[in-house]
């Protein structure tokens, strides 16, 4: 997927999260392990959100691999330490397709 398409999907995911009551606190946080697309708060829980898009739901979800989840966990840990945060947190995914946007909470295996 091109970077432009990824940016569009991330913007749609942010809009969706905001409409669901989330507060977006950071986007595209990088560490040596990888990237977290969106970091948001809701109900005193910090959410590290991976955004995946595709022509259909199944194709997008298949891109959430164990390796990607591992990198997401490591990068989330860096973010927590860098910002000295001690709060509840979880790892989620937002799936963006031409016809829907879906939130999958707690994607860790």
PDB file of N, CA and C in Angstrom:
ATOM      1  N   UNK A   1       0.850  -1.176   0.000  1.00  0.00           N
ATOM      2  CA  UNK A   1       0.000   0.000   0.000  1.00  0.00           C
ATOM      3  C   UNK A   1       0.891   1.233   0.000  1.00  0.00           C
ATOM      4  N   UNK A   2       0.458   2.242  -0.702  1.00  0.00           N
ATOM      5  CA  UNK A   2       1.246   3.468  -0.756  1.00  0.00           C
ATOM      6  C   UNK A   2       1.100   4.245   0.546  1.00  0.00           C
ATOM      7  N   UNK A   3       2.090   5.084   0.798  1.00  0.00           N
ATOM      8  CA  UNK A   3       2.067   5.916   2.007  1.00  0.00           C
ATOM      9  C   UNK A   3       0.837   6.826   2.007  1.00  0.00           C
ATOM     10  N   UNK A   4       0.458   7.331   0.843  1.00  0.00           N
ATOM     11  CA  UNK A   4      -0.720   8.211   0.748  1.00  0.00           C
ATOM     12  C   UNK A   4      -1.988   7.466   1.168  1.00  0.00           C
ATOM     13  N   UNK A   5      -2.160   6.227   0.700  1.00  0.00           N
ATOM     14  CA  UNK A   5      -3.332   5.442   1.092  1.00  0.00           C
ATOM     15  C   UNK A   5      -3.303   5.143   2.585  1.00  0.00           C
ATOM     16  N   UNK A   6      -2.114   4.872   3.111  1.00  0.00           N
ATOM     17  CA  UNK A   6      -1.976   4.631   4.545  1.00  0.00           C
ATOM     18  C   UNK A   6      -2.349   5.856   5.359  1.00  0.00           C
ATOM     19  N   UNK A   7      -1.925   7.033   4.892  1.00  0.00           N
ATOM     20  CA  UNK A   7      -2.266   8.282   5.582  1.00  0.00           C
ATOM     21  C   UNK A   7      -3.775   8.520   5.578  1.00  0.00           C
ATOM     22  N   UNK A   8      -4.422   8.224   4.464  1.00  0.00           N
ATOM     23  CA  UNK A   8      -5.880   8.391   4.382  1.00  0.00           C
ATOM     24  C   UNK A   8      -6.569   7.446   5.364  1.00  0.00           C
ATOM     25  N   UNK A   9      -6.118   6.189   5.406  1.00  0.00           N
ATOM     26  CA  UNK A   9      -6.711   5.214   6.326  1.00  0.00           C
ATOM     27  C   UNK A   9      -6.503   5.650   7.774  1.00  0.00           C
ATOM     28  N   UNK A  10      -5.312   6.155   8.093  1.00  0.00           N
ATOM     29  CA  UNK A  10      -5.043   6.614   9.460  1.00  0.00           C
ATOM     30  C   UNK A  10      -5.912   7.811   9.822  1.00  0.00           C
ATOM     31  N   UNK A  11      -6.120   8.718   8.890  1.00  0.00           N
ATOM     32  CA  UNK A  11      -6.988   9.875   9.149  1.00  0.00           C
ATOM     33  C   UNK A  11      -8.426   9.426   9.389  1.00  0.00           C
ATOM     34  N   UNK A  12      -8.907   8.476   8.596  1.00  0.00           N
ATOM     35  CA  UNK A  12     -10.259   7.946   8.795  1.00  0.00           C
ATOM     36  C   UNK A  12     -10.358   7.247  10.149  1.00  0.00           C
ATOM     37  N   UNK A  13      -9.313   6.511  10.521  1.00  0.00           N
ATOM     38  CA  UNK A  13      -9.301   5.825  11.812  1.00  0.00           C
ATOM     39  C   UNK A  13      -9.337   6.834  12.958  1.00  0.00           C
ATOM     40  N   UNK A  14      -8.580   7.917  12.841  1.00  0.00           N
ATOM     41  CA  UNK A  14      -8.596   8.968  13.869  1.00  0.00           C
ATOM     42  C   UNK A  14      -9.986   9.572  13.999  1.00  0.00           C
ATOM     43  N   UNK A  15     -10.599   9.899  12.887  1.00  0.00           N
ATOM     44  CA  UNK A  15     -11.953  10.459  12.914  1.00  0.00           C
ATOM     45  C   UNK A  15     -12.919   9.490  13.591  1.00  0.00           C
ATOM     46  N   UNK A  16     -12.783   8.212  13.269  1.00  0.00           N
ATOM     47  CA  UNK A  16     -13.647   7.196  13.865  1.00  0.00           C
ATOM     48  C   UNK A  16     -13.438   7.139  15.383  1.00  0.00           C
ATOM     49  N   UNK A  17     -12.176   7.089  15.803  1.00  0.00           N
ATOM     50  CA  UNK A  17     -11.895   7.024  17.242  1.00  0.00           C
ATOM     51  C   UNK A  17     -12.435   8.258  17.964  1.00  0.00           C
ATOM     52  N   UNK A  18     -12.240   9.419  17.387  1.00  0.00           N
ATOM     53  CA  UNK A  18     -12.761  10.652  17.992  1.00  0.00           C
ATOM     54  C   UNK A  18     -14.285  10.581  18.127  1.00  0.00           C
ATOM     55  N   UNK A  19     -14.960  10.049  17.111  1.00  0.00           N
ATOM     56  CA  UNK A  19     -16.420   9.942  17.163  1.00  0.00           C
ATOM     57  C   UNK A  19     -16.885   8.936  18.216  1.00  0.00           C
ATOM     58  N   UNK A  20     -15.980   8.043  18.622  1.00  0.00           N
ATOM     59  CA  UNK A  20     -16.298   7.037  19.651  1.00  0.00           C
ATOM     60  C   UNK A  20     -15.871   7.490  21.048  1.00  0.00           C
ATOM     61  N   UNK A  21     -15.428   8.730  21.166  1.00  0.00           N
ATOM     62  CA  UNK A  21     -15.082   9.258  22.482  1.00  0.00           C
ATOM     63  C   UNK A  21     -13.626   9.155  22.878  1.00  0.00           C
ATOM     64  N   UNK A  22     -12.769   8.767  21.963  1.00  0.00           N
ATOM     65  CA  UNK A  22     -11.333   8.701  22.237  1.00  0.00           C
ATOM     66  C   UNK A  22     -10.726  10.095  22.103  1.00  0.00           C
ATOM     67  N   UNK A  23      -9.625  10.316  22.794  1.00  0.00           N
ATOM     68  CA  UNK A  23      -8.810  11.509  22.624  1.00  0.00           C
ATOM     69  C   UNK A  23      -7.484  11.071  22.029  1.00  0.00           C
ATOM     70  N   UNK A  24      -7.185  11.512  20.833  1.00  0.00           N
ATOM     71  CA  UNK A  24      -5.930  11.137  20.173  1.00  0.00           C
ATOM     72  C   UNK A  24      -4.808  11.995  20.760  1.00  0.00           C
ATOM     73  N   UNK A  25      -3.775  11.324  21.285  1.00  0.00           N
ATOM     74  CA  UNK A  25      -2.664  12.054  21.911  1.00  0.00           C
ATOM     75  C   UNK A  25      -1.390  12.022  21.076  1.00  0.00           C
ATOM     76  N   UNK A  26      -1.282  11.087  20.147  1.00  0.00           N
ATOM     77  CA  UNK A  26      -0.082  11.017  19.314  1.00  0.00           C
ATOM     78  C   UNK A  26      -0.382  10.180  18.083  1.00  0.00           C
ATOM     79  N   UNK A  27       0.370  10.463  17.029  1.00  0.00           N
ATOM     80  CA  UNK A  27       0.267   9.685  15.787  1.00  0.00           C
ATOM     81  C   UNK A  27       1.666   9.386  15.285  1.00  0.00           C
ATOM     82  N   UNK A  28       1.806   8.218  14.677  1.00  0.00           N
ATOM     83  CA  UNK A  28       3.065   7.808  14.047  1.00  0.00           C
ATOM     84  C   UNK A  28       4.251   7.931  14.998  1.00  0.00           C
ATOM     85  N   UNK A  29       4.124   7.295  16.160  1.00  0.00           N
ATOM     86  CA  UNK A  29       5.232   7.260  17.117  1.00  0.00           C
ATOM     87  C   UNK A  29       6.196   6.154  16.711  1.00  0.00           C
ATOM     88  N   UNK A  30       7.459   6.525  16.532  1.00  0.00           N
ATOM     89  CA  UNK A  30       8.480   5.580  16.092  1.00  0.00           C
ATOM     90  C   UNK A  30       9.447   5.246  17.217  1.00  0.00           C
ATOM     91  N   UNK A  31       9.903   3.997  17.223  1.00  0.00           N
ATOM     92  CA  UNK A  31      11.020   3.558  18.051  1.00  0.00           C
ATOM     93  C   UNK A  31      11.894   2.675  17.171  1.00  0.00           C
ATOM     94  N   UNK A  32      12.972   2.182  17.736  1.00  0.00           N
ATOM     95  CA  UNK A  32      13.836   1.298  16.946  1.00  0.00           C
ATOM     96  C   UNK A  32      13.142  -0.024  16.602  1.00  0.00           C
ATOM     97  N   UNK A  33      12.028  -0.306  17.284  1.00  0.00           N
ATOM     98  CA  UNK A  33      11.307  -1.558  17.050  1.00  0.00           C
ATOM     99  C   UNK A  33      10.242  -1.442  15.968  1.00  0.00           C
ATOM    100  N   UNK A  34       9.717  -0.229  15.771  1.00  0.00           N
ATOM    101  CA  UNK A  34       8.651  -0.063  14.800  1.00  0.00           C
ATOM    102  C   UNK A  34       7.867   1.207  15.052  1.00  0.00           C
ATOM    103  N   UNK A  35       6.605   1.183  14.666  1.00  0.00           N
ATOM    104  CA  UNK A  35       5.753   2.367  14.735  1.00  0.00           C
ATOM    105  C   UNK A  35       4.403   2.009  15.331  1.00  0.00           C
ATOM    106  N   UNK A  36       3.854   2.958  16.084  1.00  0.00           N
ATOM    107  CA  UNK A  36       2.457   2.882  16.510  1.00  0.00           C
ATOM    108  C   UNK A  36       1.724   3.955  15.717  1.00  0.00           C
ATOM    109  N   UNK A  37       0.670   3.564  15.010  1.00  0.00           N
ATOM    110  CA  UNK A  37      -0.041   4.502  14.146  1.00  0.00           C
ATOM    111  C   UNK A  37      -0.763   5.585  14.939  1.00  0.00           C
ATOM    112  N   UNK A  38      -1.526   5.172  15.956  1.00  0.00           N
ATOM    113  CA  UNK A  38      -2.312   6.118  16.747  1.00  0.00           C
ATOM    114  C   UNK A  38      -2.200   5.737  18.219  1.00  0.00           C
ATOM    115  N   UNK A  39      -2.044   6.750  19.066  1.00  0.00           N
ATOM    116  CA  UNK A  39      -2.078   6.552  20.511  1.00  0.00           C
ATOM    117  C   UNK A  39      -3.205   7.437  21.025  1.00  0.00           C
ATOM    118  N   UNK A  40      -4.139   6.822  21.754  1.00  0.00           N
ATOM    119  CA  UNK A  40      -5.333   7.551  22.181  1.00  0.00           C
ATOM    120  C   UNK A  40      -5.747   7.129  23.586  1.00  0.00           C
ATOM    121  N   UNK A  41      -6.473   8.021  24.264  1.00  0.00           N
ATOM    122  CA  UNK A  41      -7.036   7.734  25.584  1.00  0.00           C
ATOM    123  C   UNK A  41      -8.551   7.614  25.489  1.00  0.00           C
ATOM    124  N   UNK A  42      -9.087   6.701  26.271  1.00  0.00           N
ATOM    125  CA  UNK A  42     -10.533   6.637  26.480  1.00  0.00           C
ATOM    126  C   UNK A  42     -10.772   5.956  27.820  1.00  0.00           C
ATOM    127  N   UNK A  43     -11.607   6.574  28.638  1.00  0.00           N
ATOM    128  CA  UNK A  43     -11.959   6.005  29.942  1.00  0.00           C
ATOM    129  C   UNK A  43     -10.724   5.636  30.761  1.00  0.00           C
ATOM    130  N   UNK A  44      -9.744   6.538  30.781  1.00  0.00           N
ATOM    131  CA  UNK A  44      -8.514   6.382  31.562  1.00  0.00           C
ATOM    132  C   UNK A  44      -7.655   5.197  31.124  1.00  0.00           C
ATOM    133  N   UNK A  45      -7.861   4.733  29.901  1.00  0.00           N
ATOM    134  CA  UNK A  45      -7.044   3.654  29.334  1.00  0.00           C
ATOM    135  C   UNK A  45      -6.336   4.205  28.101  1.00  0.00           C
ATOM    136  N   UNK A  46      -5.028   3.956  28.022  1.00  0.00           N
ATOM    137  CA  UNK A  46      -4.246   4.352  26.865  1.00  0.00           C
ATOM    138  C   UNK A  46      -4.323   3.236  25.831  1.00  0.00           C
ATOM    139  N   UNK A  47      -4.640   3.599  24.595  1.00  0.00           N
ATOM    140  CA  UNK A  47      -4.790   2.619  23.520  1.00  0.00           C
ATOM    141  C   UNK A  47      -3.710   2.841  22.467  1.00  0.00           C
ATOM    142  N   UNK A  48      -2.933   1.799  22.189  1.00  0.00           N
ATOM    143  CA  UNK A  48      -1.965   1.801  21.096  1.00  0.00           C
ATOM    144  C   UNK A  48      -2.681   1.142  19.920  1.00  0.00           C
ATOM    145  N   UNK A  49      -2.868   1.896  18.850  1.00  0.00           N
ATOM    146  CA  UNK A  49      -3.740   1.440  17.763  1.00  0.00           C
ATOM    147  C   UNK A  49      -2.958   1.247  16.467  1.00  0.00           C
ATOM    148  N   UNK A  50      -3.079   0.059  15.929  1.00  0.00           N
ATOM    149  CA  UNK A  50      -2.534  -0.279  14.620  1.00  0.00           C
ATOM    150  C   UNK A  50      -3.656  -0.116  13.598  1.00  0.00           C
ATOM    151  N   UNK A  51      -3.398   0.603  12.524  1.00  0.00           N
ATOM    152  CA  UNK A  51      -4.398   0.807  11.480  1.00  0.00           C
ATOM    153  C   UNK A  51      -4.040  -0.074  10.283  1.00  0.00           C
ATOM    154  N   UNK A  52      -5.014  -0.843   9.845  1.00  0.00           N
ATOM    155  CA  UNK A  52      -4.843  -1.674   8.652  1.00  0.00           C
ATOM    156  C   UNK A  52      -5.993  -1.387   7.706  1.00  0.00           C
ATOM    157  N   UNK A  53      -5.676  -1.306   6.432  1.00  0.00           N
ATOM    158  CA  UNK A  53      -6.723  -1.065   5.439  1.00  0.00           C
ATOM    159  C   UNK A  53      -6.580  -2.059   4.297  1.00  0.00           C
ATOM    160  N   UNK A  54      -7.676  -2.228   3.589  1.00  0.00           N
ATOM    161  CA  UNK A  54      -7.674  -3.136   2.455  1.00  0.00           C
ATOM    162  C   UNK A  54      -8.999  -3.062   1.737  1.00  0.00           C
ATOM    163  N   UNK A  55      -9.080  -3.781   0.636  1.00  0.00           N
ATOM    164  CA  UNK A  55     -10.315  -3.800  -0.140  1.00  0.00           C
ATOM    165  C   UNK A  55     -11.435  -4.522   0.600  1.00  0.00           C
ATOM    166  N   UNK A  56     -11.065  -5.450   1.480  1.00  0.00           N
ATOM    167  CA  UNK A  56     -12.076  -6.081   2.328  1.00  0.00           C
ATOM    168  C   UNK A  56     -11.478  -6.384   3.696  1.00  0.00           C
ATOM    169  N   UNK A  57     -12.360  -6.675   4.628  1.00  0.00           N
ATOM    170  CA  UNK A  57     -11.983  -6.878   6.034  1.00  0.00           C
ATOM    171  C   UNK A  57     -10.943  -7.986   6.196  1.00  0.00           C
ATOM    172  N   UNK A  58     -11.177  -9.126   5.559  1.00  0.00           N
ATOM    173  CA  UNK A  58     -10.291 -10.278   5.728  1.00  0.00           C
ATOM    174  C   UNK A  58      -8.863  -9.980   5.268  1.00  0.00           C
ATOM    175  N   UNK A  59      -8.733  -9.318   4.137  1.00  0.00           N
ATOM    176  CA  UNK A  59      -7.398  -8.977   3.642  1.00  0.00           C
ATOM    177  C   UNK A  59      -6.672  -8.045   4.605  1.00  0.00           C
ATOM    178  N   UNK A  60      -7.384  -7.079   5.148  1.00  0.00           N
ATOM    179  CA  UNK A  60      -6.761  -6.138   6.083  1.00  0.00           C
ATOM    180  C   UNK A  60      -6.350  -6.833   7.376  1.00  0.00           C
ATOM    181  N   UNK A  61      -7.224  -7.662   7.924  1.00  0.00           N
ATOM    182  CA  UNK A  61      -6.933  -8.348   9.185  1.00  0.00           C
ATOM    183  C   UNK A  61      -5.749  -9.295   9.042  1.00  0.00           C
ATOM    184  N   UNK A  62      -5.604  -9.915   7.894  1.00  0.00           N
ATOM    185  CA  UNK A  62      -4.494 -10.843   7.684  1.00  0.00           C
ATOM    186  C   UNK A  62      -3.135 -10.165   7.802  1.00  0.00           C
ATOM    187  N   UNK A  63      -3.109  -8.847   7.681  1.00  0.00           N
ATOM    188  CA  UNK A  63      -1.849  -8.114   7.803  1.00  0.00           C
ATOM    189  C   UNK A  63      -1.450  -7.833   9.244  1.00  0.00           C
ATOM    190  N   UNK A  64      -2.265  -8.259  10.188  1.00  0.00           N
ATOM    191  CA  UNK A  64      -1.890  -8.140  11.602  1.00  0.00           C
ATOM    192  C   UNK A  64      -1.214  -9.458  11.984  1.00  0.00           C
ATOM    193  N   UNK A  65       0.062  -9.512  11.742  1.00  0.00           N
ATOM    194  CA  UNK A  65       0.827 -10.735  11.963  1.00  0.00           C
ATOM    195  C   UNK A  65       1.398 -10.776  13.384  1.00  0.00           C
ATOM    196  N   UNK A  66       1.787 -11.957  13.856  1.00  0.00           N
ATOM    197  CA  UNK A  66       2.440 -12.024  15.169  1.00  0.00           C
ATOM    198  C   UNK A  66       3.684 -11.123  15.252  1.00  0.00           C
ATOM    199  N   UNK A  67       4.444 -11.031  14.166  1.00  0.00           N
ATOM    200  CA  UNK A  67       5.622 -10.159  14.140  1.00  0.00           C
ATOM    201  C   UNK A  67       5.203  -8.697  14.303  1.00  0.00           C
ATOM    202  N   UNK A  68       4.128  -8.279  13.622  1.00  0.00           N
ATOM    203  CA  UNK A  68       3.645  -6.902  13.733  1.00  0.00           C
ATOM    204  C   UNK A  68       3.178  -6.614  15.156  1.00  0.00           C
ATOM    205  N   UNK A  69       2.469  -7.552  15.757  1.00  0.00           N
ATOM    206  CA  UNK A  69       1.999  -7.371  17.136  1.00  0.00           C
ATOM    207  C   UNK A  69       3.186  -7.255  18.085  1.00  0.00           C
ATOM    208  N   UNK A  70       4.207  -8.078  17.888  1.00  0.00           N
ATOM    209  CA  UNK A  70       5.400  -8.012  18.741  1.00  0.00           C
ATOM    210  C   UNK A  70       6.053  -6.637  18.651  1.00  0.00           C
ATOM    211  N   UNK A  71       6.192  -6.110  17.445  1.00  0.00           N
ATOM    212  CA  UNK A  71       6.775  -4.779  17.262  1.00  0.00           C
ATOM    213  C   UNK A  71       5.905  -3.700  17.909  1.00  0.00           C
ATOM    214  N   UNK A  72       4.596  -3.860  17.801  1.00  0.00           N
ATOM    215  CA  UNK A  72       3.668  -2.920  18.413  1.00  0.00           C
ATOM    216  C   UNK A  72       3.828  -2.929  19.935  1.00  0.00           C
ATOM    217  N   UNK A  73       3.938  -4.105  20.524  1.00  0.00           N
ATOM    218  CA  UNK A  73       4.130  -4.226  21.972  1.00  0.00           C
ATOM    219  C   UNK A  73       5.435  -3.568  22.403  1.00  0.00           C
ATOM    220  N   UNK A  74       6.494  -3.820  21.678  1.00  0.00           N
ATOM    221  CA  UNK A  74       7.792  -3.240  22.027  1.00  0.00           C
ATOM    222  C   UNK A  74       7.770  -1.719  21.904  1.00  0.00           C
ATOM    223  N   UNK A  75       7.161  -1.209  20.851  1.00  0.00           N
ATOM    224  CA  UNK A  75       7.099   0.234  20.645  1.00  0.00           C
ATOM    225  C   UNK A  75       6.204   0.885  21.691  1.00  0.00           C
ATOM    226  N   UNK A  76       5.108   0.229  22.041  1.00  0.00           N
ATOM    227  CA  UNK A  76       4.252   0.741  23.113  1.00  0.00           C
ATOM    228  C   UNK A  76       4.997   0.832  24.433  1.00  0.00           C
ATOM    229  N   UNK A  77       5.819  -0.154  24.716  1.00  0.00           N
ATOM    230  CA  UNK A  77       6.619  -0.149  25.943  1.00  0.00           C
ATOM    231  C   UNK A  77       7.597   1.033  25.946  1.00  0.00           C
ATOM    232  N   UNK A  78       8.217   1.291  24.804  1.00  0.00           N
ATOM    233  CA  UNK A  78       9.117   2.444  24.685  1.00  0.00           C
ATOM    234  C   UNK A  78       8.352   3.735  24.965  1.00  0.00           C
ATOM    235  N   UNK A  79       7.149   3.861  24.402  1.00  0.00           N
ATOM    236  CA  UNK A  79       6.345   5.074  24.600  1.00  0.00           C
ATOM    237  C   UNK A  79       6.020   5.275  26.081  1.00  0.00           C
ATOM    238  N   UNK A  80       5.615   4.194  26.746  1.00  0.00           N
ATOM    239  CA  UNK A  80       5.284   4.287  28.170  1.00  0.00           C
ATOM    240  C   UNK A  80       6.490   4.735  28.991  1.00  0.00           C
ATOM    241  N   UNK A  81       7.643   4.155  28.717  1.00  0.00           N
ATOM    242  CA  UNK A  81       8.862   4.511  29.462  1.00  0.00           C
ATOM    243  C   UNK A  81       9.327   5.923  29.133  1.00  0.00           C
ATOM    244  N   UNK A  82       9.305   6.278  27.860  1.00  0.00           N
ATOM    245  CA  UNK A  82       9.757   7.608  27.437  1.00  0.00           C
ATOM    246  C   UNK A  82       8.921   8.710  28.087  1.00  0.00           C
ATOM    247  N   UNK A  83       7.631   8.454  28.242  1.00  0.00           N
ATOM    248  CA  UNK A  83       6.724   9.453  28.804  1.00  0.00           C
ATOM    249  C   UNK A  83       6.424   9.224  30.291  1.00  0.00           C
ATOM    250  N   UNK A  84       7.141   8.286  30.906  1.00  0.00           N
ATOM    251  CA  UNK A  84       6.989   7.970  32.335  1.00  0.00           C
ATOM    252  C   UNK A  84       5.515   7.769  32.707  1.00  0.00           C
ATOM    253  N   UNK A  85       4.818   6.978  31.908  1.00  0.00           N
ATOM    254  CA  UNK A  85       3.396   6.740  32.141  1.00  0.00           C
ATOM    255  C   UNK A  85       3.184   5.458  32.929  1.00  0.00           C
ATOM    256  N   UNK A  86       2.349   5.539  33.924  1.00  0.00           N
ATOM    257  CA  UNK A  86       1.915   4.363  34.666  1.00  0.00           C
ATOM    258  C   UNK A  86       0.401   4.387  34.650  1.00  0.00           C
ATOM    259  N   UNK A  87      -0.166   3.749  33.646  1.00  0.00           N
ATOM    260  CA  UNK A  87      -1.614   3.747  33.482  1.00  0.00           C
ATOM    261  C   UNK A  87      -2.030   2.438  32.825  1.00  0.00           C
ATOM    262  N   UNK A  88      -3.326   2.191  32.842  1.00  0.00           N
ATOM    263  CA  UNK A  88      -3.849   1.031  32.123  1.00  0.00           C
ATOM    264  C   UNK A  88      -3.684   1.283  30.619  1.00  0.00           C
ATOM    265  N   UNK A  89      -3.373   0.227  29.884  1.00  0.00           N
ATOM    266  CA  UNK A  89      -3.198   0.373  28.440  1.00  0.00           C
ATOM    267  C   UNK A  89      -3.579  -0.921  27.745  1.00  0.00           C
ATOM    268  N   UNK A  90      -3.839  -0.797  26.447  1.00  0.00           N
ATOM    269  CA  UNK A  90      -4.143  -1.969  25.637  1.00  0.00           C
ATOM    270  C   UNK A  90      -3.767  -1.704  24.175  1.00  0.00           C
ATOM    271  N   UNK A  91      -3.709  -2.771  23.417  1.00  0.00           N
ATOM    272  CA  UNK A  91      -3.322  -2.701  22.014  1.00  0.00           C
ATOM    273  C   UNK A  91      -4.527  -3.084  21.158  1.00  0.00           C
ATOM    274  N   UNK A  92      -4.867  -2.193  20.229  1.00  0.00           N
ATOM    275  CA  UNK A  92      -6.053  -2.370  19.408  1.00  0.00           C
ATOM    276  C   UNK A  92      -5.692  -2.255  17.929  1.00  0.00           C
ATOM    277  N   UNK A  93      -6.665  -2.556  17.091  1.00  0.00           N
ATOM    278  CA  UNK A  93      -6.515  -2.348  15.648  1.00  0.00           C
ATOM    279  C   UNK A  93      -7.783  -1.696  15.123  1.00  0.00           C
ATOM    280  N   UNK A  94      -7.622  -0.826  14.159  1.00  0.00           N
ATOM    281  CA  UNK A  94      -8.750  -0.272  13.422  1.00  0.00           C
ATOM    282  C   UNK A  94      -8.595  -0.745  11.986  1.00  0.00           C
ATOM    283  N   UNK A  95      -9.642  -1.391  11.496  1.00  0.00           N
ATOM    284  CA  UNK A  95      -9.652  -1.935  10.141  1.00  0.00           C
ATOM    285  C   UNK A  95     -10.489  -1.012   9.264  1.00  0.00           C
ATOM    286  N   UNK A  96      -9.855  -0.473   8.232  1.00  0.00           N
ATOM    287  CA  UNK A  96     -10.526   0.472   7.334  1.00  0.00           C
ATOM    288  C   UNK A  96     -10.671  -0.184   5.963  1.00  0.00           C
ATOM    289  N   UNK A  97     -11.922  -0.289   5.513  1.00  0.00           N
ATOM    290  CA  UNK A  97     -12.207  -0.788   4.170  1.00  0.00           C
ATOM    291  C   UNK A  97     -13.052   0.269   3.460  1.00  0.00           C
ATOM    292  N   UNK A  98     -13.255   0.123   2.170  1.00  0.00           N
ATOM    293  CA  UNK A  98     -14.083   1.115   1.473  1.00  0.00           C
ATOM    294  C   UNK A  98     -15.503   1.231   2.041  1.00  0.00           C
ATOM    295  N   UNK A  99     -16.000   0.163   2.674  1.00  0.00           N
ATOM    296  CA  UNK A  99     -17.390   0.191   3.145  1.00  0.00           C
ATOM    297  C   UNK A  99     -17.549   0.235   4.658  1.00  0.00           C
ATOM    298  N   UNK A 100     -16.439   0.124   5.432  1.00  0.00           N
ATOM    299  CA  UNK A 100     -16.607   0.096   6.888  1.00  0.00           C
ATOM    300  C   UNK A 100     -15.315   0.466   7.615  1.00  0.00           C
ATOM    301  N   UNK A 101     -15.501   0.800   8.884  1.00  0.00           N
ATOM    302  CA  UNK A 101     -14.384   1.000   9.808  1.00  0.00           C
ATOM    303  C   UNK A 101     -14.732   0.211  11.058  1.00  0.00           C
ATOM    304  N   UNK A 102     -13.839  -0.682  11.462  1.00  0.00           N
ATOM    305  CA  UNK A 102     -14.102  -1.553  12.610  1.00  0.00           C
ATOM    306  C   UNK A 102     -12.953  -1.469  13.605  1.00  0.00           C
ATOM    307  N   UNK A 103     -13.296  -1.480  14.881  1.00  0.00           N
ATOM    308  CA  UNK A 103     -12.317  -1.481  15.956  1.00  0.00           C
ATOM    309  C   UNK A 103     -12.229  -2.884  16.547  1.00  0.00           C
ATOM    310  N   UNK A 104     -11.012  -3.379  16.639  1.00  0.00           N
ATOM    311  CA  UNK A 104     -10.762  -4.658  17.315  1.00  0.00           C
ATOM    312  C   UNK A 104      -9.940  -4.330  18.555  1.00  0.00           C
ATOM    313  N   UNK A 105     -10.507  -4.541  19.728  1.00  0.00           N
ATOM    314  CA  UNK A 105      -9.784  -4.245  20.962  1.00  0.00           C
ATOM    315  C   UNK A 105      -8.954  -5.447  21.393  1.00  0.00           C
ATOM    316  N   UNK A 106      -7.813  -5.132  22.006  1.00  0.00           N
ATOM    317  CA  UNK A 106      -6.940  -6.131  22.622  1.00  0.00           C
ATOM    318  C   UNK A 106      -6.502  -7.206  21.641  1.00  0.00           C
ATOM    319  N   UNK A 107      -5.631  -6.808  20.706  1.00  0.00           N
ATOM    320  CA  UNK A 107      -5.190  -7.726  19.644  1.00  0.00           C
ATOM    321  C   UNK A 107      -4.009  -8.595  20.034  1.00  0.00           C
ATOM    322  N   UNK A 108      -3.535  -8.498  21.270  1.00  0.00           N
ATOM    323  CA  UNK A 108      -2.384  -9.308  21.652  1.00  0.00           C
ATOM    324  C   UNK A 108      -2.771 -10.788  21.646  1.00  0.00           C
ATOM    325  N   UNK A 109      -1.784 -11.611  21.365  1.00  0.00           N
ATOM    326  CA  UNK A 109      -2.025 -13.063  21.272  1.00  0.00           C
ATOM    327  C   UNK A 109      -1.687 -13.736  22.572  1.00  0.00           C
TER     328      UNK A 109
END
